[in-house]
Protein backbone atom coordinates (compact mmCIF):
# COMPACT_ATOMS: atom_id res chain seq x y z
CA UNK A 1 -340.51 -114.04 122.81
CA UNK A 2 -338.74 -110.84 123.84
CA UNK A 3 -339.42 -107.82 121.66
CA UNK A 4 -337.56 -104.52 122.09
CA UNK A 5 -339.74 -101.71 123.41
CA UNK A 6 -337.68 -98.98 121.76
CA UNK A 7 -335.69 -98.78 118.54
CA UNK A 8 -331.98 -99.51 118.95
CA UNK A 9 -329.99 -96.36 118.26
CA UNK A 10 -327.48 -96.26 115.44
CA UNK A 11 -324.64 -95.56 117.88
CA UNK A 12 -325.49 -98.69 119.87
CA UNK A 13 -325.70 -100.80 116.72
CA UNK A 14 -322.48 -99.45 115.23
CA UNK A 15 -320.50 -99.86 118.46
CA UNK A 16 -321.64 -103.48 118.67
CA UNK A 17 -320.63 -104.16 115.06
CA UNK A 18 -317.33 -102.27 115.37
CA UNK A 19 -315.60 -105.19 117.13
CA UNK A 20 -315.82 -107.26 113.94
CA UNK A 21 -314.71 -104.44 111.64
CA UNK A 22 -311.15 -104.00 112.89
CA UNK A 23 -308.95 -106.85 111.73
CA UNK A 24 -305.21 -106.35 111.88
CA UNK A 25 -302.71 -108.09 109.63
CA UNK A 26 -301.17 -111.25 111.11
CA UNK A 27 -297.93 -110.76 113.00
CA UNK A 28 -294.83 -112.00 111.21
CA UNK A 29 -291.62 -113.35 112.69
CA UNK A 30 -288.25 -113.86 111.04
CA UNK A 31 -287.09 -117.40 110.21
CA UNK A 32 -283.76 -118.08 111.96
CA UNK A 33 -282.55 -120.25 109.06
CA UNK A 34 -283.29 -118.22 105.91
CA UNK A 35 -284.24 -114.87 107.53
CA UNK A 36 -287.50 -114.62 105.56
CA UNK A 37 -290.75 -113.46 107.20
CA UNK A 38 -293.08 -116.26 108.30
CA UNK A 39 -296.09 -116.77 110.55
CA UNK A 40 -295.10 -117.61 114.12
CA UNK A 41 -295.33 -121.24 115.32
CA UNK A 42 -295.48 -122.54 111.76
CA UNK A 43 -293.10 -124.22 109.33
CA UNK A 44 -291.24 -121.71 107.18
CA UNK A 45 -292.71 -121.86 103.66
CA UNK A 46 -289.38 -120.81 102.15
CA UNK A 47 -286.90 -123.28 103.68
CA UNK A 48 -289.13 -125.85 105.45
CA UNK A 49 -287.52 -125.53 108.90
CA UNK A 50 -289.36 -125.49 112.22
CA UNK A 51 -287.71 -125.32 115.65
CA UNK A 52 -284.27 -125.75 114.09
CA UNK A 53 -285.18 -128.99 112.31
CA UNK A 54 -285.88 -129.60 108.63
CA UNK A 55 -289.45 -130.91 108.57
CA UNK A 56 -290.41 -130.31 104.94
CA UNK A 57 -288.15 -131.32 102.11
CA UNK A 58 -287.94 -128.78 99.37
């Protein structure tokens, strides 16, 4: 089993963990039917339209 010969520096550890720290908010697009913000490539939760068609009643 491989064992490190030297202690891993804090800079090395923190730079490795930094990739998981930065999470941006999901991008939002505008629904062409009701003009409310929604996640892209998903049914609009407000009006139920996707790709110009009513897929969810309500």
